[in-house]
Amino acid sequence: MCFFKPLLPILLALPLLSAAASAQSPAGIPCADRTIATTQLHELYGERRIGYGLAANGSVIELFASPNGSFTLFATLPHGVSCLIATGQSWEPPPEPDYYAGR
């Protein structure tokens, strides 16, 4: 199972590594502007942020999930670029649909 396969449309449709992002992001890891990445997660997979925390290096680790169980884990760097950590299926417990109300 390829962790990055569910994000293939994002990787193909967006210019993920601009010159600025590639200069400031880890080599070989798919990264994009946070706003673009999170919008695509919601529009393509119905995922919304269900949790986050601050890492020791100053990045924000964010977990996105959908009611059908798909999930994505991002590290958002202080300069606003989000880098993909992992994606998958069968997140438990899946977020309740009412969790999305008003968001």
N, C-alpha and C. Protein backbone atom coordinates (compact mmCIF):
# COMPACT_ATOMS: atom_id res chain seq x y z
N MET A 1 0.84 -1.18 0.00
CA MET A 1 0.00 0.00 0.00
C MET A 1 0.88 1.24 0.00
N CYS A 2 0.64 2.14 -0.90
CA CYS A 2 1.42 3.37 -1.01
C CYS A 2 0.73 4.48 -0.22
N PHE A 3 1.42 5.05 0.77
CA PHE A 3 0.82 6.09 1.60
C PHE A 3 0.51 7.34 0.79
N PHE A 4 1.26 7.62 -0.25
CA PHE A 4 1.08 8.85 -1.00
C PHE A 4 0.08 8.73 -2.15
N LYS A 5 -0.39 7.53 -2.45
CA LYS A 5 -1.31 7.34 -3.56
C LYS A 5 -2.60 8.15 -3.42
N PRO A 6 -3.23 8.22 -2.22
CA PRO A 6 -4.45 9.02 -2.11
C PRO A 6 -4.24 10.50 -2.41
N LEU A 7 -3.04 11.00 -2.27
CA LEU A 7 -2.78 12.41 -2.54
C LEU A 7 -2.25 12.66 -3.94
N LEU A 8 -2.24 11.66 -4.77
CA LEU A 8 -1.73 11.80 -6.13
C LEU A 8 -2.40 12.94 -6.88
N PRO A 9 -3.74 13.10 -6.81
CA PRO A 9 -4.34 14.24 -7.52
C PRO A 9 -3.78 15.58 -7.06
N ILE A 10 -3.52 15.70 -5.76
CA ILE A 10 -2.95 16.95 -5.26
C ILE A 10 -1.54 17.13 -5.81
N LEU A 11 -0.76 16.06 -5.77
CA LEU A 11 0.62 16.15 -6.23
C LEU A 11 0.72 16.48 -7.70
N LEU A 12 -0.24 16.00 -8.50
CA LEU A 12 -0.21 16.25 -9.93
C LEU A 12 -0.85 17.59 -10.29
N ALA A 13 -1.84 18.01 -9.51
CA ALA A 13 -2.61 19.19 -9.88
C ALA A 13 -2.00 20.50 -9.39
N LEU A 14 -1.17 20.44 -8.38
CA LEU A 14 -0.64 21.67 -7.79
C LEU A 14 0.85 21.81 -8.01
N PRO A 15 1.30 23.01 -8.13
CA PRO A 15 2.75 23.24 -8.15
C PRO A 15 3.26 23.22 -6.71
N LEU A 16 3.43 22.02 -6.18
CA LEU A 16 3.69 21.87 -4.75
C LEU A 16 5.01 22.43 -4.28
N LEU A 17 6.01 22.33 -5.12
CA LEU A 17 7.32 22.79 -4.66
C LEU A 17 7.73 24.04 -5.40
N SER A 18 7.30 25.17 -4.89
CA SER A 18 7.76 26.42 -5.47
C SER A 18 9.23 26.60 -5.10
N ALA A 19 9.88 27.56 -5.70
CA ALA A 19 11.30 27.78 -5.39
C ALA A 19 11.48 28.08 -3.90
N ALA A 20 10.58 28.87 -3.33
CA ALA A 20 10.70 29.21 -1.91
C ALA A 20 10.46 27.99 -1.03
N ALA A 21 9.45 27.21 -1.35
CA ALA A 21 9.15 26.04 -0.53
C ALA A 21 10.26 25.01 -0.62
N SER A 22 10.80 24.80 -1.80
CA SER A 22 11.84 23.79 -1.93
C SER A 22 13.12 24.21 -1.21
N ALA A 23 13.35 25.51 -1.12
CA ALA A 23 14.54 25.98 -0.42
C ALA A 23 14.40 25.84 1.09
N GLN A 24 13.16 25.81 1.60
CA GLN A 24 12.94 25.80 3.03
C GLN A 24 12.35 24.49 3.55
N SER A 25 12.06 23.52 2.70
CA SER A 25 11.42 22.28 3.08
C SER A 25 12.37 21.10 2.91
N PRO A 26 12.15 20.03 3.68
CA PRO A 26 13.01 18.86 3.55
C PRO A 26 12.97 18.29 2.13
N ALA A 27 14.11 17.90 1.62
CA ALA A 27 14.20 17.36 0.26
C ALA A 27 13.44 16.05 0.13
N GLY A 28 12.72 15.89 -0.96
CA GLY A 28 12.02 14.64 -1.26
C GLY A 28 10.67 14.48 -0.60
N ILE A 29 10.27 15.41 0.25
CA ILE A 29 8.98 15.32 0.93
C ILE A 29 8.01 16.27 0.23
N PRO A 30 6.80 15.78 -0.13
CA PRO A 30 5.83 16.66 -0.78
C PRO A 30 5.36 17.76 0.18
N CYS A 31 5.53 19.00 -0.23
CA CYS A 31 5.14 20.15 0.57
C CYS A 31 4.37 21.13 -0.28
N ALA A 32 3.52 21.92 0.37
CA ALA A 32 2.74 22.95 -0.32
C ALA A 32 2.34 24.01 0.68
N ASP A 33 1.90 25.15 0.17
CA ASP A 33 1.33 26.16 1.02
C ASP A 33 0.19 25.54 1.81
N ARG A 34 0.10 25.80 3.10
CA ARG A 34 -0.88 25.15 3.97
C ARG A 34 -2.31 25.38 3.48
N THR A 35 -2.63 26.60 3.09
CA THR A 35 -3.99 26.90 2.66
C THR A 35 -4.38 26.06 1.44
N ILE A 36 -3.49 25.95 0.49
CA ILE A 36 -3.77 25.16 -0.71
C ILE A 36 -3.94 23.68 -0.36
N ALA A 37 -3.01 23.17 0.46
CA ALA A 37 -3.05 21.75 0.81
C ALA A 37 -4.31 21.39 1.59
N THR A 38 -4.68 22.20 2.57
CA THR A 38 -5.85 21.86 3.38
C THR A 38 -7.15 22.03 2.60
N THR A 39 -7.20 22.99 1.70
CA THR A 39 -8.38 23.15 0.84
C THR A 39 -8.56 21.93 -0.04
N GLN A 40 -7.46 21.45 -0.62
CA GLN A 40 -7.53 20.26 -1.48
C GLN A 40 -7.94 19.02 -0.68
N LEU A 41 -7.44 18.89 0.54
CA LEU A 41 -7.84 17.74 1.38
C LEU A 41 -9.34 17.74 1.61
N HIS A 42 -9.89 18.92 1.89
CA HIS A 42 -11.32 18.99 2.14
C HIS A 42 -12.13 18.75 0.86
N GLU A 43 -11.73 19.39 -0.23
CA GLU A 43 -12.50 19.28 -1.48
C GLU A 43 -12.41 17.89 -2.10
N LEU A 44 -11.23 17.26 -2.07
CA LEU A 44 -11.06 15.95 -2.71
C LEU A 44 -11.44 14.77 -1.82
N TYR A 45 -11.21 14.89 -0.51
CA TYR A 45 -11.39 13.74 0.38
C TYR A 45 -12.35 13.98 1.53
N GLY A 46 -12.87 15.19 1.67
CA GLY A 46 -13.78 15.50 2.76
C GLY A 46 -13.09 15.53 4.12
N GLU A 47 -11.78 15.71 4.14
CA GLU A 47 -11.04 15.71 5.40
C GLU A 47 -10.99 17.11 6.00
N ARG A 48 -11.13 17.13 7.32
CA ARG A 48 -10.98 18.36 8.10
C ARG A 48 -10.06 18.09 9.26
N ARG A 49 -9.46 19.14 9.80
CA ARG A 49 -8.54 18.97 10.91
C ARG A 49 -9.30 18.51 12.16
N ILE A 50 -8.82 17.43 12.76
CA ILE A 50 -9.44 16.93 13.98
C ILE A 50 -8.50 17.03 15.18
N GLY A 51 -7.24 17.39 14.94
CA GLY A 51 -6.32 17.55 16.04
C GLY A 51 -5.02 18.17 15.59
N TYR A 52 -4.29 18.73 16.54
CA TYR A 52 -2.99 19.33 16.23
C TYR A 52 -2.18 19.47 17.51
N GLY A 53 -0.88 19.64 17.34
CA GLY A 53 0.01 19.86 18.48
C GLY A 53 1.29 20.52 18.01
N LEU A 54 1.99 21.15 18.93
CA LEU A 54 3.22 21.86 18.63
C LEU A 54 4.41 20.94 18.88
N ALA A 55 5.24 20.76 17.86
CA ALA A 55 6.44 19.92 17.97
C ALA A 55 7.60 20.75 18.54
N ALA A 56 8.60 20.08 19.04
CA ALA A 56 9.75 20.74 19.64
C ALA A 56 10.49 21.65 18.66
N ASN A 57 10.44 21.34 17.37
CA ASN A 57 11.14 22.15 16.38
C ASN A 57 10.34 23.37 15.92
N GLY A 58 9.16 23.61 16.51
CA GLY A 58 8.35 24.77 16.16
C GLY A 58 7.30 24.49 15.09
N SER A 59 7.31 23.30 14.51
CA SER A 59 6.28 22.98 13.52
C SER A 59 5.00 22.53 14.23
N VAL A 60 3.90 22.69 13.53
CA VAL A 60 2.61 22.25 14.05
C VAL A 60 2.26 20.94 13.34
N ILE A 61 2.03 19.88 14.12
CA ILE A 61 1.64 18.60 13.56
C ILE A 61 0.12 18.59 13.54
N GLU A 62 -0.46 18.36 12.35
CA GLU A 62 -1.91 18.42 12.18
C GLU A 62 -2.43 17.10 11.64
N LEU A 63 -3.54 16.65 12.21
CA LEU A 63 -4.20 15.44 11.77
C LEU A 63 -5.53 15.82 11.14
N PHE A 64 -5.72 15.39 9.90
CA PHE A 64 -6.96 15.61 9.16
C PHE A 64 -7.62 14.25 8.94
N ALA A 65 -8.94 14.18 9.07
CA ALA A 65 -9.65 12.93 8.85
C ALA A 65 -11.02 13.22 8.28
N SER A 66 -11.60 12.21 7.65
CA SER A 66 -12.95 12.32 7.11
C SER A 66 -13.84 11.28 7.80
N PRO A 67 -15.15 11.46 7.73
CA PRO A 67 -16.06 10.47 8.32
C PRO A 67 -15.92 9.07 7.72
N ASN A 68 -15.40 8.96 6.48
CA ASN A 68 -15.24 7.63 5.88
C ASN A 68 -13.94 6.95 6.31
N GLY A 69 -13.12 7.62 7.15
CA GLY A 69 -11.93 6.99 7.71
C GLY A 69 -10.61 7.36 7.06
N SER A 70 -10.62 8.12 5.95
CA SER A 70 -9.34 8.53 5.37
C SER A 70 -8.70 9.57 6.29
N PHE A 71 -7.35 9.58 6.32
CA PHE A 71 -6.66 10.56 7.16
C PHE A 71 -5.36 10.99 6.53
N THR A 72 -4.91 12.17 6.96
CA THR A 72 -3.65 12.75 6.50
C THR A 72 -2.97 13.41 7.69
N LEU A 73 -1.67 13.26 7.77
CA LEU A 73 -0.87 13.87 8.82
C LEU A 73 0.12 14.82 8.16
N PHE A 74 0.08 16.09 8.56
CA PHE A 74 0.97 17.12 8.03
C PHE A 74 1.83 17.71 9.13
N ALA A 75 3.01 18.18 8.76
CA ALA A 75 3.82 19.05 9.62
C ALA A 75 3.82 20.41 8.93
N THR A 76 3.28 21.41 9.62
CA THR A 76 3.26 22.75 9.06
C THR A 76 4.40 23.54 9.69
N LEU A 77 5.29 24.00 8.83
CA LEU A 77 6.49 24.70 9.27
C LEU A 77 6.17 26.15 9.60
N PRO A 78 7.00 26.82 10.40
CA PRO A 78 6.70 28.19 10.81
C PRO A 78 6.48 29.17 9.66
N HIS A 79 7.05 28.92 8.50
CA HIS A 79 6.87 29.82 7.36
C HIS A 79 5.62 29.51 6.54
N GLY A 80 4.74 28.62 7.02
CA GLY A 80 3.45 28.40 6.38
C GLY A 80 3.39 27.29 5.35
N VAL A 81 4.43 26.51 5.21
CA VAL A 81 4.43 25.39 4.27
C VAL A 81 4.12 24.11 5.02
N SER A 82 3.17 23.33 4.49
CA SER A 82 2.81 22.05 5.10
C SER A 82 3.48 20.92 4.32
N CYS A 83 4.07 19.98 5.06
CA CYS A 83 4.74 18.84 4.44
C CYS A 83 4.03 17.56 4.87
N LEU A 84 3.82 16.70 3.91
CA LEU A 84 3.11 15.46 4.14
C LEU A 84 3.95 14.50 4.98
N ILE A 85 3.35 13.94 6.02
CA ILE A 85 4.00 12.92 6.83
C ILE A 85 3.45 11.55 6.46
N ALA A 86 2.12 11.42 6.41
CA ALA A 86 1.50 10.12 6.10
C ALA A 86 0.05 10.32 5.70
N THR A 87 -0.47 9.34 4.97
CA THR A 87 -1.90 9.27 4.66
C THR A 87 -2.34 7.83 4.87
N GLY A 88 -3.62 7.63 5.00
CA GLY A 88 -4.10 6.26 5.17
C GLY A 88 -5.61 6.17 5.22
N GLN A 89 -6.07 4.99 5.55
CA GLN A 89 -7.50 4.68 5.64
C GLN A 89 -7.80 4.09 7.00
N SER A 90 -9.06 4.01 7.33
CA SER A 90 -9.56 3.34 8.53
C SER A 90 -9.16 4.02 9.83
N TRP A 91 -9.14 5.36 9.85
CA TRP A 91 -8.87 6.06 11.09
C TRP A 91 -9.97 5.73 12.08
N GLU A 92 -9.60 5.39 13.30
CA GLU A 92 -10.57 5.04 14.35
C GLU A 92 -10.35 5.91 15.57
N PRO A 93 -11.38 6.36 16.18
CA PRO A 93 -12.75 6.38 15.67
C PRO A 93 -12.88 7.48 14.63
N PRO A 94 -13.66 7.23 13.59
CA PRO A 94 -13.86 8.28 12.58
C PRO A 94 -14.58 9.47 13.21
N PRO A 95 -14.28 10.68 12.74
CA PRO A 95 -14.97 11.84 13.30
C PRO A 95 -16.46 11.77 13.00
N GLU A 96 -17.25 12.19 13.94
CA GLU A 96 -18.70 12.21 13.76
C GLU A 96 -19.07 13.30 12.76
N PRO A 97 -20.09 13.06 11.93
CA PRO A 97 -20.48 14.09 10.96
C PRO A 97 -20.84 15.44 11.61
N ASP A 98 -21.41 15.41 12.83
CA ASP A 98 -21.75 16.69 13.47
C ASP A 98 -20.52 17.46 13.90
N TYR A 99 -19.36 16.81 13.96
CA TYR A 99 -18.10 17.50 14.27
C TYR A 99 -17.81 18.55 13.21
N TYR A 100 -18.28 18.29 12.00
CA TYR A 100 -18.02 19.19 10.89
C TYR A 100 -18.99 20.37 10.84
N ALA A 101 -20.05 20.34 11.62
CA ALA A 101 -21.04 21.40 11.60
C ALA A 101 -20.40 22.72 12.03
N GLY A 102 -20.63 23.73 11.24
CA GLY A 102 -20.13 25.06 11.58
C GLY A 102 -18.66 25.27 11.34
N ARG A 103 -17.98 24.34 10.70
CA ARG A 103 -16.55 24.51 10.43
C ARG A 103 -16.31 24.88 9.00
